[in-house]
Amino acid sequence: METKSIFKSKIFVLNAVVALLAILDIITPDLLNVFELSLPTQHKIMALIALFVGILNIFLRTITNSAVTFKSNDDLNLKQ
């Protein structure tokens, strides 16, 4: 099976960006408060983002045609 580096994976990039946003939200809890939104509205926004990311992960997984690895396919071929 054809493999590619994990860093070329759209799913990995999407999840890394969302993880960074979550860390930023934990470090700076008032991040969404810049828009002067109520706490329930902030929770709804975060829930919608989580739903969107989940759906996008499923979609990206369905169009994936290769496995990922920490080493590229070229690295694996050199060892053979």
Protein backbone atom coordinates (compact mmCIF):
# COMPACT_ATOMS: atom_id res chain seq x y z
CA MET A 1 0.00 0.00 0.00
CA GLU A 2 1.22 3.46 -0.86
CA THR A 3 2.15 5.54 2.18
CA LYS A 4 2.79 9.23 2.77
CA SER A 5 4.27 11.29 5.53
CA ILE A 6 1.83 12.11 8.32
CA PHE A 7 2.66 15.79 7.82
CA LYS A 8 1.15 15.62 4.30
CA SER A 9 -2.13 14.26 5.69
CA LYS A 10 -5.07 16.69 5.53
CA ILE A 11 -6.66 14.96 8.52
CA PHE A 12 -3.49 15.41 10.59
CA VAL A 13 -3.26 19.10 9.64
CA LEU A 14 -6.94 19.68 10.45
CA ASN A 15 -6.63 18.00 13.83
CA ALA A 16 -3.40 19.86 14.64
CA VAL A 17 -5.05 23.22 13.89
CA VAL A 18 -8.09 22.35 16.02
CA ALA A 19 -5.83 21.15 18.85
CA LEU A 20 -3.89 24.42 18.72
CA LEU A 21 -7.15 26.39 18.84
CA ALA A 22 -8.30 24.34 21.83
CA ILE A 23 -5.00 24.96 23.63
CA LEU A 24 -5.28 28.66 22.84
CA ASP A 25 -8.81 28.67 24.24
CA ILE A 26 -7.61 26.96 27.42
CA ILE A 27 -4.73 29.40 27.86
CA THR A 28 -6.87 32.43 26.96
CA PRO A 29 -10.42 31.66 28.15
CA ASP A 30 -11.68 35.07 27.02
CA LEU A 31 -10.68 34.41 23.41
CA LEU A 32 -14.29 34.43 22.15
CA ASN A 33 -15.20 37.18 24.57
CA VAL A 34 -13.55 39.63 22.16
CA PHE A 35 -16.84 39.50 20.29
CA GLU A 36 -18.75 40.14 23.55
CA LEU A 37 -20.68 36.89 23.31
CA SER A 38 -22.53 35.37 26.23
CA LEU A 39 -21.17 32.18 27.77
CA PRO A 40 -24.00 29.98 26.37
CA THR A 41 -23.32 31.41 22.89
CA GLN A 42 -19.61 30.65 23.27
CA HIS A 43 -20.46 27.06 24.22
CA LYS A 44 -22.73 26.73 21.16
CA ILE A 45 -19.95 28.04 18.90
CA MET A 46 -17.48 25.53 20.35
CA ALA A 47 -20.02 22.70 19.92
CA LEU A 48 -20.62 23.72 16.28
CA ILE A 49 -16.87 23.80 15.64
CA ALA A 50 -16.53 20.31 17.16
CA LEU A 51 -19.42 19.04 15.01
CA PHE A 52 -17.93 20.61 11.87
CA VAL A 53 -14.50 19.09 12.56
CA GLY A 54 -16.03 15.66 13.20
CA ILE A 55 -17.94 15.76 9.91
CA LEU A 56 -14.88 17.05 8.06
CA ASN A 57 -12.74 14.26 9.55
CA ILE A 58 -15.23 11.66 8.32
CA PHE A 59 -15.34 13.25 4.86
CA LEU A 60 -11.55 13.45 4.58
CA ARG A 61 -11.25 9.85 5.74
CA THR A 62 -13.60 8.68 2.95
CA ILE A 63 -11.49 10.32 0.23
CA THR A 64 -8.18 9.08 1.64
CA ASN A 65 -6.41 6.66 -0.66
CA SER A 66 -3.15 6.03 1.21
CA ALA A 67 -1.91 5.19 4.65
CA VAL A 68 0.20 7.60 6.67
CA THR A 69 3.46 6.97 8.47
CA PHE A 70 6.07 9.02 10.24
CA LYS A 71 8.41 8.12 7.39
CA SER A 72 7.74 8.81 3.73
CA ASN A 73 7.46 6.02 1.16
CA ASP A 74 10.86 7.03 -0.23
CA ASP A 75 12.47 6.44 3.18
CA LEU A 76 10.91 2.99 3.34
CA ASN A 77 12.12 2.10 -0.16
CA LEU A 78 15.70 3.03 0.66
CA LYS A 79 15.85 0.37 3.38
CA GLN A 80 14.79 -2.47 1.08
